[in-house]
Every structure is written in structure tokens, then in C-alpha cells.
C-alpha atoms as a PDB file:
ATOM      1  CA  MET A   1     -22.303 -12.526  10.589  1.00  0.00           C
ATOM      2  CA  ALA A   2     -21.884 -12.102   6.832  1.00  0.00           C
ATOM      3  CA  LEU A   3     -20.800 -15.690   6.253  1.00  0.00           C
ATOM      4  CA  PRO A   4     -24.333 -17.115   5.800  1.00  0.00           C
ATOM      5  CA  VAL A   5     -24.996 -14.525   3.112  1.00  0.00           C
ATOM      6  CA  LEU A   6     -21.672 -15.268   1.411  1.00  0.00           C
ATOM      7  CA  GLU A   7     -22.596 -18.962   1.496  1.00  0.00           C
ATOM      8  CA  GLN A   8     -25.663 -18.144  -0.632  1.00  0.00           C
ATOM      9  CA  LEU A   9     -23.789 -15.879  -3.050  1.00  0.00           C
ATOM     10  CA  TYR A  10     -20.426 -17.479  -3.849  1.00  0.00           C
ATOM     11  CA  GLY A  11     -21.935 -19.596  -6.642  1.00  0.00           C
ATOM     12  CA  ASP A  12     -23.690 -16.647  -8.292  1.00  0.00           C
ATOM     13  CA  SER A  13     -23.287 -16.337 -12.053  1.00  0.00           C
ATOM     14  CA  SER A  14     -22.420 -12.622 -11.824  1.00  0.00           C
ATOM     15  CA  THR A  15     -18.740 -11.637 -11.779  1.00  0.00           C
ATOM     16  CA  TYR A  16     -19.729  -8.585  -9.763  1.00  0.00           C
ATOM     17  CA  VAL A  17     -21.336 -10.705  -7.028  1.00  0.00           C
ATOM     18  CA  ARG A  18     -18.398 -13.180  -6.919  1.00  0.00           C
ATOM     19  CA  THR A  19     -15.981 -10.254  -6.644  1.00  0.00           C
ATOM     20  CA  SER A  20     -17.990  -8.868  -3.738  1.00  0.00           C
ATOM     21  CA  VAL A  21     -17.929 -12.290  -2.041  1.00  0.00           C
ATOM     22  CA  ALA A  22     -14.152 -12.461  -2.537  1.00  0.00           C
ATOM     23  CA  ASN A  23     -13.677  -8.961  -1.106  1.00  0.00           C
ATOM     24  CA  HIS A  24     -15.754  -9.805   1.943  1.00  0.00           C
ATOM     25  CA  LEU A  25     -13.682 -12.938   2.528  1.00  0.00           C
ATOM     26  CA  HIS A  26     -10.536 -10.831   2.077  1.00  0.00           C
ATOM     27  CA  ASP A  27     -11.713  -8.467   4.808  1.00  0.00           C
ATOM     28  CA  LEU A  28     -12.416 -11.441   7.079  1.00  0.00           C
ATOM     29  CA  SER A  29      -8.972 -12.952   6.369  1.00  0.00           C
ATOM     30  CA  VAL A  30      -7.318 -10.083   8.262  1.00  0.00           C
ATOM     31  CA  THR A  31      -8.769 -11.145  11.605  1.00  0.00           C
ATOM     32  CA  GLN A  32      -9.946 -14.703  10.964  1.00  0.00           C
ATOM     33  CA  PRO A  33      -7.634 -16.378   8.423  1.00  0.00           C
ATOM     34  CA  ASP A  34      -8.406 -19.909   9.567  1.00  0.00           C
ATOM     35  CA  LEU A  35     -12.144 -19.336   9.115  1.00  0.00           C
ATOM     36  CA  VAL A  36     -11.547 -18.022   5.595  1.00  0.00           C
ATOM     37  CA  LEU A  37      -9.368 -20.994   4.644  1.00  0.00           C
ATOM     38  CA  ALA A  38     -11.919 -23.452   6.095  1.00  0.00           C
ATOM     39  CA  THR A  39     -14.724 -21.709   4.199  1.00  0.00           C
ATOM     40  CA  LEU A  40     -12.785 -21.778   0.941  1.00  0.00           C
ATOM     41  CA  GLN A  41     -11.942 -25.449   1.458  1.00  0.00           C
ATOM     42  CA  ARG A  42     -15.610 -26.263   2.032  1.00  0.00           C
ATOM     43  CA  TRP A  43     -16.603 -24.342  -1.078  1.00  0.00           C
ATOM     44  CA  LYS A  44     -13.902 -26.051  -3.138  1.00  0.00           C
ATOM     45  CA  VAL A  45     -15.042 -29.501  -2.103  1.00  0.00           C
ATOM     46  CA  SER A  46     -18.695 -28.637  -2.808  1.00  0.00           C
ATOM     47  CA  GLY A  47     -17.973 -28.313  -6.542  1.00  0.00           C
ATOM     48  CA  LEU A  48     -20.780 -25.757  -6.800  1.00  0.00           C
ATOM     49  CA  VAL A  49     -18.586 -23.191  -8.589  1.00  0.00           C
ATOM     50  CA  PRO A  50     -16.657 -23.802 -11.822  1.00  0.00           C
ATOM     51  CA  ASP A  51     -12.894 -24.090 -11.190  1.00  0.00           C
ATOM     52  CA  LYS A  52     -11.958 -20.778 -12.847  1.00  0.00           C
ATOM     53  CA  HIS A  53     -14.559 -18.882 -10.815  1.00  0.00           C
ATOM     54  CA  PHE A  54     -13.522 -20.551  -7.597  1.00  0.00           C
ATOM     55  CA  ALA A  55      -9.831 -19.858  -8.331  1.00  0.00           C
ATOM     56  CA  PHE A  56     -10.689 -16.158  -8.766  1.00  0.00           C
ATOM     57  CA  ILE A  57     -12.565 -16.023  -5.460  1.00  0.00           C
ATOM     58  CA  ALA A  58      -9.799 -17.804  -3.582  1.00  0.00           C
ATOM     59  CA  ARG A  59      -6.991 -15.663  -5.049  1.00  0.00           C
ATOM     60  CA  GLN A  60      -8.846 -12.454  -4.334  1.00  0.00           C
ATOM     61  CA  ALA A  61      -9.786 -13.557  -0.803  1.00  0.00           C
ATOM     62  CA  LEU A  62      -6.214 -14.545  -0.014  1.00  0.00           C
ATOM     63  CA  ARG A  63      -4.370 -11.719  -1.825  1.00  0.00           C
ATOM     64  CA  SER A  64      -3.116  -9.976   1.344  1.00  0.00           C
ATOM     65  CA  ARG A  65      -1.944 -13.319   2.781  1.00  0.00           C
ATOM     66  CA  LEU A  66      -0.112 -13.995  -0.474  1.00  0.00           C
ATOM     67  CA  LYS A  67       1.547 -10.584  -0.295  1.00  0.00           C
ATOM     68  CA  LYS A  68       2.698 -11.392   3.260  1.00  0.00           C
ATOM     69  CA  GLY A  69       4.121 -14.677   2.031  1.00  0.00           C
ATOM     70  CA  ARG A  70       1.860 -16.871   4.159  1.00  0.00           C
ATOM     71  CA  PRO A  71       2.574 -20.553   3.401  1.00  0.00           C
ATOM     72  CA  ASP A  72      -1.001 -21.653   4.197  1.00  0.00           C
ATOM     73  CA  ALA A  73      -2.403 -19.370   1.484  1.00  0.00           C
ATOM     74  CA  TYR A  74       0.142 -20.500  -1.098  1.00  0.00           C
ATOM     75  CA  ALA A  75      -0.453 -24.163  -0.245  1.00  0.00           C
ATOM     76  CA  PHE A  76      -4.225 -23.757  -0.502  1.00  0.00           C
ATOM     77  CA  LEU A  77      -3.814 -22.305  -3.987  1.00  0.00           C
ATOM     78  CA  GLY A  78      -1.612 -25.209  -5.085  1.00  0.00           C
ATOM     79  CA  TYR A  79       1.848 -23.641  -4.891  1.00  0.00           C
ATOM     80  CA  ALA A  80       4.462 -26.166  -3.734  1.00  0.00           C
ATOM     81  CA  PRO A  81       6.644 -24.788  -0.940  1.00  0.00           C
ATOM     82  CA  ASP A  82       9.451 -27.203  -1.860  1.00  0.00           C
ATOM     83  CA  ALA A  83       9.465 -26.464  -5.616  1.00  0.00           C
ATOM     84  CA  LEU A  84      12.982 -26.137  -6.986  1.00  0.00           C
ATOM     85  CA  VAL A  85      13.114 -22.762  -8.669  1.00  0.00           C
ATOM     86  CA  GLU A  86      16.188 -20.987 -10.036  1.00  0.00           C
ATOM     87  CA  LEU A  87      16.337 -17.264 -10.492  1.00  0.00           C
ATOM     88  CA  THR A  88      19.052 -15.500 -12.474  1.00  0.00           C
ATOM     89  CA  PRO A  89      20.587 -12.426 -10.835  1.00  0.00           C
ATOM     90  CA  LEU A  90      18.358  -9.412 -10.990  1.00  0.00           C
ATOM     91  CA  VAL A  91      19.371  -6.828 -13.616  1.00  0.00           C
ATOM     92  CA  LEU A  92      18.558  -3.214 -12.774  1.00  0.00           C
ATOM     93  CA  GLU A  93      18.644  -0.560 -15.473  1.00  0.00           C
ATOM     94  CA  ARG A  94      19.507   2.068 -12.824  1.00  0.00           C
ATOM     95  CA  THR A  95      20.246   1.796  -9.121  1.00  0.00           C
ATOM     96  CA  GLU A  96      19.621   5.369  -7.997  1.00  0.00           C
ATOM     97  CA  LEU A  97      16.047   6.562  -8.377  1.00  0.00           C
ATOM     98  CA  VAL A  98      13.823   9.359  -7.146  1.00  0.00           C
ATOM     99  CA  ASP A  99      10.069   9.932  -7.147  1.00  0.00           C
ATOM    100  CA  GLY A 100       8.758   9.917 -10.688  1.00  0.00           C
ATOM    101  CA  ASP A 101      11.589   7.778 -12.080  1.00  0.00           C
ATOM    102  CA  THR A 102      10.946   4.337 -13.582  1.00  0.00           C
ATOM    103  CA  LEU A 103      12.422   1.277 -11.917  1.00  0.00           C
ATOM    104  CA  SER A 104      13.265  -1.177 -14.714  1.00  0.00           C
ATOM    105  CA  PHE A 105      14.348  -4.688 -13.838  1.00  0.00           C
ATOM    106  CA  SER A 106      14.595  -8.134 -15.334  1.00  0.00           C
ATOM    107  CA  ALA A 107      15.501 -11.685 -14.388  1.00  0.00           C
ATOM    108  CA  THR A 108      14.680 -15.188 -15.563  1.00  0.00           C
ATOM    109  CA  LEU A 109      13.006 -17.968 -13.556  1.00  0.00           C
ATOM    110  CA  THR A 110      13.333 -21.691 -14.369  1.00  0.00           C
ATOM    111  CA  THR A 111      11.926 -24.775 -12.660  1.00  0.00           C
ATOM    112  CA  THR A 112      13.021 -28.407 -12.640  1.00  0.00           C
ATOM    113  CA  ARG A 113       9.489 -29.829 -12.874  1.00  0.00           C
ATOM    114  CA  PRO A 114       6.041 -28.544 -13.913  1.00  0.00           C
ATOM    115  CA  VAL A 115       5.003 -26.280 -11.054  1.00  0.00           C
ATOM    116  CA  PRO A 116       2.715 -23.288 -10.667  1.00  0.00           C
ATOM    117  CA  VAL A 117       4.548 -20.096  -9.784  1.00  0.00           C
ATOM    118  CA  HIS A 118       3.272 -16.832  -8.317  1.00  0.00           C
ATOM    119  CA  VAL A 119       5.847 -14.041  -8.431  1.00  0.00           C
ATOM    120  CA  MET A 120       5.664 -10.763  -6.601  1.00  0.00           C
ATOM    121  CA  PHE A 121       8.182  -8.013  -6.046  1.00  0.00           C
ATOM    122  CA  VAL A 122       8.756  -5.717  -3.078  1.00  0.00           C
ATOM    123  CA  ILE A 123       9.783  -2.107  -3.127  1.00  0.00           C
ATOM    124  CA  SER A 124      11.281  -0.835   0.101  1.00  0.00           C
ATOM    125  CA  SER A 125      11.445   2.847   0.841  1.00  0.00           C
ATOM    126  CA  THR A 126      11.354   5.250   3.703  1.00  0.00           C
ATOM    127  CA  THR A 127       8.751   7.847   4.547  1.00  0.00           C
ATOM    128  CA  ARG A 128       9.555  11.498   4.921  1.00  0.00           C
ATOM    129  CA  THR A 129      10.010  10.857   8.642  1.00  0.00           C
ATOM    130  CA  GLY A 130      12.454   8.030   8.006  1.00  0.00           C
ATOM    131  CA  LYS A 131      10.074   5.184   8.819  1.00  0.00           C
ATOM    132  CA  PRO A 132      10.683   2.096   6.632  1.00  0.00           C
ATOM    133  CA  ARG A 133       7.882   1.005   4.318  1.00  0.00           C
ATOM    134  CA  GLU A 134       7.428  -1.956   2.012  1.00  0.00           C
ATOM    135  CA  LYS A 135       4.938  -2.285  -0.849  1.00  0.00           C
ATOM    136  CA  VAL A 136       4.290  -5.635  -2.515  1.00  0.00           C
ATOM    137  CA  TYR A 137       3.274  -5.866  -6.190  1.00  0.00           C
ATOM    138  CA  PHE A 138       2.095  -8.814  -8.311  1.00  0.00           C
ATOM    139  CA  LEU A 139       4.340  -9.641 -11.264  1.00  0.00           C
ATOM    140  CA  LEU A 140       3.511 -13.071 -12.757  1.00  0.00           C
ATOM    141  CA  ARG A 141       1.305 -16.107 -12.322  1.00  0.00           C
ATOM    142  CA  SER A 142       2.169 -19.043 -14.577  1.00  0.00           C
ATOM    143  CA  THR A 143       3.168 -22.667 -14.698  1.00  0.00           C
ATOM    144  CA  GLY A 144       6.867 -23.318 -15.027  1.00  0.00           C
ATOM    145  CA  LYS A 145       7.881 -26.198 -17.271  1.00  0.00           C
ATOM    146  CA  PRO A 146      11.213 -27.962 -16.738  1.00  0.00           C
ATOM    147  CA  GLY A 147      13.996 -25.984 -18.359  1.00  0.00           C
ATOM    148  CA  GLU A 148      11.642 -23.321 -19.767  1.00  0.00           C
ATOM    149  CA  LYS A 149      12.776 -19.794 -19.005  1.00  0.00           C
ATOM    150  CA  LEU A 150      10.032 -17.550 -17.601  1.00  0.00           C
ATOM    151  CA  PRO A 151      11.036 -13.933 -18.190  1.00  0.00           C
ATOM    152  CA  LEU A 152      10.450 -11.579 -15.290  1.00  0.00           C
ATOM    153  CA  ALA A 153      10.611  -7.937 -16.279  1.00  0.00           C
ATOM    154  CA  LYS A 154       8.937  -4.739 -15.222  1.00  0.00           C
ATOM    155  CA  ASP A 155       9.020  -1.024 -15.784  1.00  0.00           C
ATOM    156  CA  HIS A 156       7.538   0.387 -12.587  1.00  0.00           C
ATOM    157  CA  VAL A 157       6.976   4.147 -12.098  1.00  0.00           C
ATOM    158  CA  LEU A 158       7.922   5.232  -8.583  1.00  0.00           C
ATOM    159  CA  ARG A 159       5.182   7.541  -7.491  1.00  0.00           C
ATOM    160  CA  SER A 160       5.446   9.507  -4.273  1.00  0.00           C
ATOM    161  CA  THR A 161       3.231   8.203  -1.473  1.00  0.00           C
ATOM    162  CA  GLU A 162       3.545  11.360   0.515  1.00  0.00           C
ATOM    163  CA  VAL A 163       0.470  13.484   0.983  1.00  0.00           C
ATOM    164  CA  PRO A 164       0.922  16.555  -1.217  1.00  0.00           C
ATOM    165  CA  PRO A 165       0.705  19.887   0.573  1.00  0.00           C
ATOM    166  CA  LEU A 166      -2.703  21.491   0.610  1.00  0.00           C
ATOM    167  CA  LYS A 167      -3.225  24.210  -1.958  1.00  0.00           C
ATOM    168  CA  TRP A 168      -5.230  27.169  -0.803  1.00  0.00           C
ATOM    169  CA  THR A 169      -6.897  29.645  -3.047  1.00  0.00           C
ATOM    170  CA  ALA A 170      -8.613  32.862  -2.069  1.00  0.00           C
END
């Protein structure tokens, strides 16, 4: 039902309005990914929105699909699924960590031809009840040039995701 309204707003000059449009499309992408991709394709072809504004809307609308590694979302945004990419072995500063520690890692990515890259990393953990959990984080969006080394490094604080106990005061 919101799509006709979004159709009127996606070309708005306000960043706030475009962000709202992208967030609405993101919500729709959970249950109707094909509709969202078709809508984005139609908007792209229309040329109504400057490229950088459209790229923002599309990235934001497809962010969960990117985190899930969905090929259709990556392809729509121009990422080549067959791009030859080399990654050096991951270097970890420490391998045993607890809540509050900082995970520090680095690696280097190289490509054999000019290609856009979108790099994310995943942290796997278990809940207090032993249930596995994965959290995906954005790391880098760039264009790899042949032979150029793209450094991948991050210092990521591991914060507890458990609900803290309630504190009662009298």
C-alpha cells in the first residue's frame, strides 16, 4: 500500500525523505524482495534521481539482503559474482576473547581487474543458552584495481548482547 507514496517521494531533494523511502523499501524487502528489486530497477531506468542518491536508496533498501549474501542484491548493485578476488590469510591479534575485549584483525584483498567490492565480516557467538548467533558488519566498499592491495583491518569491541539483569531500588 505504501508503494504509490514511495513512488512520489524517491526523487525528493531531502536526504531525510530519501532515507525514509529507503527504509520503507528495506522493510518491504523482507517479505517481498522481488517487488523491491523490480521497483528499484524501474526507478533506476527512470533517471529521475541522480546516481549518487539512487545508489544510496538502493544500498539502504537492500542492506539486509547484502548481509545475507543474496546474489540478486549484489548483482543489482553492480558487484560481479565471478570477480577474481584474492584474500591474504586473516591475521588475528588475539584468538581468545571475552565480552568487552577488542577483536583486532587484518588482511589484504587484491583483484585481477577493476571491480567494485563490498566487504563484510561475520562474528559468530553463542547466547547464554548455547544457541548459535551470527552478526554481520560492514567493513569496506571500494573499487579494486588490478594488483592494488586493499587493506582490510578492524578493531571491533565485543559488547555483550545479553540483557543485563534488572536493577531494583527501594
